[in-house]
Amino acid sequence: MNITIAQGAFLPVPPNRGGAVEKVWSALGREFARLGHRVTHVSRLCDRLPAENIAEGVRHVRVRGYDAPATLRGRLPLDLLYAIRAARVLPQADLVVTHTFWLPVLLRHPSQHGVVYVHVGRYPRWQMKLYRHAARLQTVTQVIGEAIRAIVPECANKVIVIPYPLPPGMMIENEAELASRFAARRKVVVFAGRIHPQKGTRLLIEAFDQFARSHPGWILRLVGAHTAALGGGGDAYLREMRDCATSLGSQVEWAGFADTTEGLREQLREASIFAYPSVDDFGETFGVGPLEAMGNGCPVVVSDLGCFRDFVHDGETGLVFDHRAADAPARLAGQFSRIADSHDLAQRLALNGWKVAADYRLERVAKLYLDDFAATIQSR
């Protein structure tokens, strides 16, 4: 097949600035190319990347984009300008995967750019009604699939759920290595994601403060970008969170953005608990971070968001806490204590989580996408 992948206006590919969606589709594009398909990847031109090059079998075409404004109102006009530029450089293809707000609206002639395959990587809203003409509306968890069907019931037969894959290098290979690394883990609770109010940063710090009072020697390490350009809450928010953690002193570490797979992987393999206390009920769609932790054998604790339910089963593959409760920090701290106080529970969560993560290996998930691409093209 001849496949085009068109990313959004604000992050480049390769995903040097992070971005879960960019990271995933970059890996998928390389895998499609490895399997013999012709792949063109369109993304933002920045960071001295060339306007066009071929890497690992993928042709990259880049057009001018922007640093992301803090608000949706600020992002939408910039995304439109980017989409217009991106539409002009799209090659002829069998199918074009889009992950921008406006590009699906501009693509009306499948004979030019291929059938339109809309990847819904955010919680769906009214814009789904703009995509009725698309051949496919694809998302990554069942709860988001149901939300799309509720908005555009007439397109229910176009909706499909295919998960994100585990990024390459984010999977411990066998149970022997899993056991060995489990024995060497340190008293570290790690968070990996954007330092942003939506990710529950304050809730996490307050929970760790309560947990640390009865569990001396533990460290909370926050791995992720805080700058607005990389999707964080900005300098003022980071200062606010540092002030919030002042009483904990050196028990809280601000590790910054992990710009390599190897760096993030080592953080996940060193920690004994991975915490992802997102409070973004209408923003999170999947949760690549918890899946990466599971692939690396780190027990996970997540908030009670529907998008995690496809792979985090409370008490089996991870622990869940009610982030909406008035005492949410205490509930999160309690889950930390359960893992810290029970070697058997921690070991069971690590093993079960790792087994589930194996179902999300890149090779398997890429085949699911390719099979659906073929079916979508044939149906048109």
Protein backbone atom coordinates (compact mmCIF):
# COMPACT_ATOMS: atom_id res chain seq x y z
CA MET A 1 0.00 0.00 0.00
CA ASN A 2 0.93 3.64 -0.47
CA ILE A 3 0.33 5.26 2.93
CA THR A 4 0.58 8.89 4.05
CA ILE A 5 0.70 9.81 7.74
CA ALA A 6 0.01 13.49 8.45
CA GLN A 7 0.79 14.71 11.97
CA GLY A 8 -0.24 17.97 13.61
CA ALA A 9 1.18 21.48 13.58
CA PHE A 10 3.03 21.56 16.87
CA LEU A 11 5.51 18.68 17.15
CA PRO A 12 8.04 17.19 14.73
CA VAL A 13 8.76 13.65 13.62
CA PRO A 14 11.10 12.08 14.68
CA PRO A 15 9.53 12.95 18.06
CA ASN A 16 12.51 14.85 19.44
CA ARG A 17 10.18 17.07 21.46
CA GLY A 18 8.07 14.21 22.78
CA GLY A 19 4.40 13.69 22.11
CA ALA A 20 2.78 10.29 22.61
CA VAL A 21 0.91 10.38 19.30
CA GLU A 22 3.99 11.47 17.36
CA LYS A 23 6.07 8.78 19.04
CA VAL A 24 3.54 6.07 18.20
CA TRP A 25 2.96 7.01 14.56
CA SER A 26 6.67 7.45 13.98
CA ALA A 27 7.18 3.86 15.13
CA LEU A 28 4.21 2.60 13.12
CA GLY A 29 5.43 4.34 9.97
CA ARG A 30 8.83 2.68 10.24
CA GLU A 31 7.20 -0.70 10.79
CA PHE A 32 4.90 -0.26 7.79
CA ALA A 33 7.95 0.57 5.67
CA ARG A 34 9.86 -2.44 7.03
CA LEU A 35 6.97 -4.64 5.88
CA GLY A 36 7.28 -3.31 2.34
CA HIS A 37 4.71 -0.52 2.20
CA ARG A 38 5.45 2.90 0.77
CA VAL A 39 5.18 5.46 3.58
CA THR A 40 5.29 9.27 3.54
CA HIS A 41 5.25 11.05 6.89
CA VAL A 42 4.22 14.72 6.96
CA SER A 43 5.04 16.71 10.08
CA ARG A 44 6.28 20.02 11.44
CA LEU A 45 9.47 21.60 10.07
CA CYS A 46 11.66 22.71 13.00
CA ASP A 47 14.78 21.89 15.01
CA ARG A 48 17.01 22.00 11.90
CA LEU A 49 15.32 18.92 10.45
CA PRO A 50 15.42 18.84 6.64
CA ALA A 51 12.32 19.77 4.66
CA GLU A 52 12.52 16.34 3.05
CA ASN A 53 14.54 13.18 3.65
CA ILE A 54 14.29 9.40 3.76
CA ALA A 55 15.02 7.57 7.01
CA GLU A 56 14.50 3.86 7.74
CA GLY A 57 12.49 3.51 4.56
CA VAL A 58 10.09 6.37 5.37
CA ARG A 59 9.94 9.50 3.24
CA HIS A 60 9.63 12.55 5.50
CA VAL A 61 8.09 15.79 4.26
CA ARG A 62 8.01 18.71 6.69
CA VAL A 63 6.13 22.01 6.54
CA ARG A 64 6.26 25.04 8.77
CA GLY A 65 4.36 24.71 12.03
CA TYR A 66 4.21 26.44 15.38
CA ASP A 67 4.92 26.17 19.07
CA ALA A 68 1.66 25.20 20.73
CA PRO A 69 -0.33 28.03 22.36
CA ALA A 70 -1.73 27.32 25.80
CA THR A 71 -5.38 27.34 24.73
CA LEU A 72 -7.48 25.54 22.14
CA ARG A 73 -8.67 28.91 20.85
CA GLY A 74 -5.06 29.81 20.14
CA ARG A 75 -4.23 26.47 18.55
CA LEU A 76 -7.12 26.18 16.09
CA PRO A 77 -6.19 29.01 13.69
CA LEU A 78 -2.56 27.88 13.64
CA ASP A 79 -3.62 24.32 12.96
CA LEU A 80 -5.70 25.58 10.01
CA LEU A 81 -2.73 27.40 8.51
CA TYR A 82 -0.56 24.33 8.96
CA ALA A 83 -3.25 22.06 7.47
CA ILE A 84 -3.46 24.23 4.34
CA ARG A 85 0.31 23.95 3.87
CA ALA A 86 0.27 20.21 4.60
CA ALA A 87 -2.54 19.57 2.11
CA ARG A 88 -0.45 21.15 -0.64
CA VAL A 89 2.41 18.68 -0.19
CA LEU A 90 0.45 15.46 0.29
CA PRO A 91 1.45 12.90 -2.33
CA GLN A 92 -0.92 10.63 -4.18
CA ALA A 93 -1.59 7.64 -1.96
CA ASP A 94 -4.04 4.85 -1.26
CA LEU A 95 -4.80 6.19 2.22
CA VAL A 96 -3.95 9.22 4.34
CA VAL A 97 -3.95 8.99 8.13
CA THR A 98 -4.66 12.40 9.65
CA HIS A 99 -4.04 13.64 13.17
CA THR A 100 -4.89 17.31 12.87
CA PHE A 101 -8.09 19.21 13.59
CA TRP A 102 -8.55 20.80 10.16
CA LEU A 103 -6.80 18.56 7.64
CA PRO A 104 -9.65 16.00 7.38
CA VAL A 105 -12.01 18.87 6.57
CA LEU A 106 -9.79 19.97 3.66
CA LEU A 107 -9.39 16.51 2.16
CA ARG A 108 -12.43 15.85 -0.02
CA HIS A 109 -10.97 14.08 -3.06
CA PRO A 110 -9.72 10.55 -2.29
CA SER A 111 -8.50 10.17 -5.86
CA GLN A 112 -5.83 12.81 -5.11
CA HIS A 113 -4.58 11.97 -1.62
CA GLY A 114 -6.16 8.60 -0.78
CA VAL A 115 -9.09 7.69 1.41
CA VAL A 116 -9.27 9.74 4.60
CA TYR A 117 -8.47 7.77 7.76
CA VAL A 118 -9.07 10.02 10.77
CA HIS A 119 -7.06 9.08 13.84
CA VAL A 120 -8.91 10.40 16.90
CA GLY A 121 -6.19 10.84 19.49
CA ARG A 122 -8.10 13.19 21.79
CA TYR A 123 -11.47 12.96 23.51
CA PRO A 124 -14.01 13.56 20.71
CA ARG A 125 -16.17 16.65 20.61
CA TRP A 126 -18.36 18.39 18.06
CA GLN A 127 -15.64 18.30 15.39
CA MET A 128 -16.53 14.66 14.70
CA LYS A 129 -19.48 16.02 12.73
CA LEU A 130 -16.99 17.64 10.34
CA TYR A 131 -15.51 14.26 9.51
CA ARG A 132 -18.64 12.42 8.32
CA HIS A 133 -17.14 12.12 4.84
CA ALA A 134 -14.07 10.25 6.10
CA ALA A 135 -13.73 6.58 5.29
CA ARG A 136 -12.74 5.66 8.83
CA LEU A 137 -12.85 7.18 12.34
CA GLN A 138 -10.23 5.27 14.30
CA THR A 139 -9.42 5.61 17.98
CA VAL A 140 -7.48 3.70 20.60
CA THR A 141 -9.81 2.68 23.47
CA GLN A 142 -13.35 1.39 23.70
CA VAL A 143 -14.57 4.30 25.82
CA ILE A 144 -13.47 6.81 23.17
CA GLY A 145 -15.00 4.69 20.43
CA GLU A 146 -18.35 4.83 22.22
CA ALA A 147 -18.01 8.59 22.65
CA ILE A 148 -17.50 9.01 18.88
CA ARG A 149 -20.55 6.88 18.12
CA ALA A 150 -22.63 9.00 20.48
CA ILE A 151 -21.66 12.20 18.63
CA VAL A 152 -22.09 10.81 15.10
CA PRO A 153 -24.34 7.76 15.38
CA GLU A 154 -24.82 7.78 11.60
CA CYS A 155 -21.08 6.97 11.30
CA ALA A 156 -21.10 4.10 13.80
CA ASN A 157 -20.07 1.61 11.11
CA LYS A 158 -16.99 3.74 10.35
CA VAL A 159 -15.68 3.67 13.92
CA ILE A 160 -12.97 1.19 14.86
CA VAL A 161 -10.80 0.76 17.95
CA ILE A 162 -7.15 -0.19 17.42
CA PRO A 163 -4.79 0.51 20.33
CA TYR A 164 -1.49 2.29 20.33
CA PRO A 165 1.49 -0.06 20.27
CA LEU A 166 4.15 -0.22 22.90
CA PRO A 167 7.06 1.83 21.53
CA PRO A 168 10.15 -0.14 20.43
CA GLY A 169 12.60 -0.77 23.25
CA MET A 170 9.93 -0.52 25.95
CA MET A 171 9.50 -4.21 26.69
CA ILE A 172 11.51 -6.49 28.96
CA GLU A 173 12.16 -9.58 26.86
CA ASN A 174 11.44 -12.48 29.23
CA GLU A 175 10.37 -13.46 32.74
CA ALA A 176 13.91 -14.17 33.88
CA GLU A 177 14.98 -10.60 33.08
CA LEU A 178 11.76 -9.32 34.65
CA ALA A 179 12.54 -11.14 37.92
CA SER A 180 16.14 -9.96 37.93
CA ARG A 181 15.22 -6.34 37.41
CA PHE A 182 12.38 -6.52 39.93
CA ALA A 183 14.82 -7.55 42.65
CA ALA A 184 17.05 -4.53 41.88
CA ARG A 185 14.34 -1.86 41.94
CA ARG A 186 14.74 1.12 44.25
CA LYS A 187 12.29 2.96 46.50
CA VAL A 188 11.23 5.34 43.74
CA VAL A 189 7.79 6.46 42.63
CA VAL A 190 8.13 7.75 39.08
CA PHE A 191 5.79 9.87 36.99
CA ALA A 192 6.51 10.32 33.28
CA GLY A 193 4.43 12.80 31.36
CA ARG A 194 3.83 16.49 30.90
CA ILE A 195 4.18 18.65 34.01
CA HIS A 196 0.71 20.12 33.67
CA PRO A 197 -2.40 20.56 35.86
CA GLN A 198 -4.28 18.05 33.68
CA LYS A 199 -1.82 15.34 34.69
CA GLY A 200 -2.59 15.71 38.40
CA THR A 201 0.83 16.97 39.42
CA ARG A 202 -0.38 18.69 42.60
CA LEU A 203 -2.45 15.66 43.56
CA LEU A 204 0.62 13.46 43.09
CA ILE A 205 2.84 15.63 45.28
CA GLU A 206 0.22 15.81 48.04
CA ALA A 207 -0.26 12.03 47.90
CA PHE A 208 3.46 11.35 48.06
CA ASP A 209 3.77 13.72 51.02
CA GLN A 210 1.24 11.59 52.92
CA PHE A 211 2.84 8.33 51.81
CA ALA A 212 6.39 9.44 52.69
CA ARG A 213 5.47 10.16 56.32
CA SER A 214 5.08 6.42 56.94
CA HIS A 215 7.55 5.24 54.31
CA PRO A 216 10.92 6.93 54.83
CA GLY A 217 13.60 6.57 52.19
CA TRP A 218 11.27 6.78 49.21
CA ILE A 219 11.75 9.28 46.37
CA LEU A 220 9.25 10.83 43.99
CA ARG A 221 10.76 11.48 40.56
CA LEU A 222 8.89 13.53 37.96
CA VAL A 223 10.07 12.95 34.40
CA GLY A 224 8.65 15.28 31.79
CA ALA A 225 8.59 18.66 30.12
CA HIS A 226 7.12 21.71 31.83
CA THR A 227 7.48 24.27 29.04
CA ALA A 228 4.38 25.41 27.18
CA ALA A 229 6.07 24.69 23.84
CA LEU A 230 6.22 20.99 24.77
CA GLY A 231 2.72 20.90 26.23
CA GLY A 232 3.62 21.60 29.85
CA GLY A 233 2.06 24.05 32.25
CA GLY A 234 4.84 26.63 31.86
CA ASP A 235 7.50 28.14 34.09
CA ALA A 236 5.04 29.65 36.56
CA TYR A 237 3.31 26.31 37.05
CA LEU A 238 6.63 24.54 37.63
CA ARG A 239 7.55 27.10 40.28
CA GLU A 240 4.18 26.57 41.92
CA MET A 241 4.70 22.80 42.01
CA ARG A 242 8.22 23.15 43.35
CA ASP A 243 6.83 25.35 46.13
CA CYS A 244 4.19 22.69 46.81
CA ALA A 245 6.97 20.11 47.26
CA THR A 246 9.27 22.30 49.37
CA SER A 247 8.65 20.40 52.62
CA LEU A 248 9.74 17.15 50.96
CA GLY A 249 13.17 18.53 50.07
CA SER A 250 15.41 16.04 48.28
CA GLN A 251 12.68 13.38 48.36
CA VAL A 252 11.26 14.99 45.20
CA GLU A 253 13.39 14.99 42.05
CA TRP A 254 12.57 16.99 38.92
CA ALA A 255 14.24 14.98 36.19
CA GLY A 256 13.10 17.06 33.22
CA PHE A 257 12.21 15.80 29.78
CA ALA A 258 13.55 12.35 28.83
CA ASP A 259 14.58 12.94 25.23
CA THR A 260 15.65 9.36 24.48
CA THR A 261 13.92 6.00 24.70
CA GLU A 262 16.89 4.66 26.62
CA GLY A 263 16.69 7.41 29.23
CA LEU A 264 13.00 6.88 29.88
CA ARG A 265 13.38 3.12 29.89
CA GLU A 266 16.01 3.23 32.61
CA GLN A 267 13.80 5.46 34.76
CA LEU A 268 10.97 2.93 34.45
CA ARG A 269 13.23 -0.04 35.19
CA GLU A 270 14.68 1.56 38.30
CA ALA A 271 11.39 2.57 39.94
CA SER A 272 9.14 0.39 42.10
CA ILE A 273 5.92 2.29 41.35
CA PHE A 274 4.72 4.21 38.29
CA ALA A 275 2.09 6.84 39.05
CA TYR A 276 -0.17 8.42 36.45
CA PRO A 277 -2.80 10.45 38.34
CA SER A 278 -4.33 12.27 35.36
CA VAL A 279 -7.44 14.28 36.15
CA ASP A 280 -8.20 15.03 32.50
CA ASP A 281 -11.55 13.25 32.12
CA PHE A 282 -12.08 14.65 28.64
CA GLY A 283 -8.52 14.71 27.35
CA GLU A 284 -6.84 11.38 27.98
CA THR A 285 -7.58 8.77 25.35
CA PHE A 286 -5.14 5.92 26.01
CA GLY A 287 -2.20 6.35 28.36
CA VAL A 288 1.00 5.31 26.64
CA GLY A 289 2.95 6.12 29.83
CA PRO A 290 1.35 3.42 32.01
CA LEU A 291 1.68 0.88 29.18
CA GLU A 292 5.39 1.69 28.84
CA ALA A 293 5.81 1.16 32.57
CA MET A 294 3.98 -2.17 32.39
CA GLY A 295 6.20 -3.30 29.53
CA ASN A 296 9.18 -2.57 31.74
CA GLY A 297 7.78 -4.48 34.70
CA CYS A 298 6.96 -1.48 36.89
CA PRO A 299 3.69 -1.72 38.88
CA VAL A 300 1.33 1.09 37.89
CA VAL A 301 -1.20 3.21 39.78
CA VAL A 302 -3.59 5.21 37.61
CA SER A 303 -6.62 7.43 38.08
CA ASP A 304 -10.11 6.15 37.39
CA LEU A 305 -10.32 7.24 33.76
CA GLY A 306 -12.15 5.08 31.26
CA CYS A 307 -9.27 5.15 28.79
CA PHE A 308 -7.10 3.04 31.12
CA ARG A 309 -9.64 0.24 31.53
CA ASP A 310 -8.63 -1.63 28.37
CA PHE A 311 -5.33 -2.69 29.97
CA VAL A 312 -5.23 -1.62 33.66
CA HIS A 313 -7.48 -3.95 35.67
CA ASP A 314 -7.60 -2.97 39.32
CA GLY A 315 -5.78 -5.42 41.56
CA GLU A 316 -4.64 -7.55 38.63
CA THR A 317 -2.49 -5.57 36.18
CA GLY A 318 -2.30 -2.35 38.21
CA LEU A 319 -4.07 -0.32 40.86
CA VAL A 320 -6.72 2.37 40.35
CA PHE A 321 -7.74 5.24 42.63
CA ASP A 322 -10.71 7.60 42.49
CA HIS A 323 -9.23 10.93 41.41
CA ARG A 324 -12.63 12.62 41.75
CA ALA A 325 -13.00 11.88 45.47
CA ALA A 326 -12.59 14.67 48.02
CA ASP A 327 -9.78 12.67 49.62
CA ALA A 328 -8.10 11.72 46.32
CA PRO A 329 -4.53 12.35 47.61
CA ALA A 330 -5.12 10.01 50.55
CA ARG A 331 -6.52 7.35 48.22
CA LEU A 332 -3.50 7.60 45.92
CA ALA A 333 -1.16 7.46 48.92
CA GLY A 334 -3.00 4.35 50.10
CA GLN A 335 -2.34 2.61 46.79
CA PHE A 336 1.35 3.48 47.03
CA SER A 337 1.39 1.92 50.50
CA ARG A 338 -0.27 -1.27 49.29
CA ILE A 339 2.52 -1.84 46.79
CA ALA A 340 5.32 -0.73 49.10
CA ASP A 341 4.08 -2.96 51.94
CA SER A 342 3.44 -6.14 49.95
CA HIS A 343 6.20 -7.77 47.96
CA ASP A 344 3.73 -10.36 46.67
CA LEU A 345 1.30 -7.73 45.38
CA ALA A 346 4.07 -5.72 43.75
CA GLN A 347 5.47 -8.81 42.06
CA ARG A 348 2.04 -9.95 40.85
CA LEU A 349 1.20 -6.54 39.39
CA ALA A 350 4.58 -6.38 37.67
CA LEU A 351 4.20 -9.84 36.09
CA ASN A 352 0.55 -9.46 35.06
CA GLY A 353 1.13 -5.97 33.70
CA TRP A 354 4.10 -7.15 31.69
CA LYS A 355 2.05 -10.00 30.19
CA VAL A 356 -0.72 -7.62 29.13
CA ALA A 357 1.80 -5.19 27.63
CA ALA A 358 3.08 -8.00 25.40
CA ASP A 359 -0.25 -7.89 23.55
CA TYR A 360 0.64 -4.32 22.49
CA ARG A 361 3.96 -5.11 20.80
CA LEU A 362 4.57 -3.00 17.72
CA GLU A 363 4.61 -5.93 15.28
CA ARG A 364 1.18 -7.14 16.38
CA VAL A 365 -0.51 -3.74 16.49
CA ALA A 366 0.99 -2.64 13.16
CA LYS A 367 -0.66 -5.65 11.53
CA LEU A 368 -4.03 -4.62 12.97
CA TYR A 369 -3.63 -1.20 11.39
CA LEU A 370 -2.49 -2.58 8.04
CA ASP A 371 -5.39 -5.03 7.90
CA ASP A 372 -7.82 -2.19 8.57
CA PHE A 373 -6.12 0.08 6.03
CA ALA A 374 -6.61 -2.61 3.39
CA ALA A 375 -10.25 -3.14 4.35
CA THR A 376 -10.92 0.60 4.36
CA ILE A 377 -9.37 1.10 0.91
CA GLN A 378 -11.28 -1.86 -0.49
CA SER A 379 -14.62 -0.64 0.93
CA ARG A 380 -14.28 2.67 -0.98
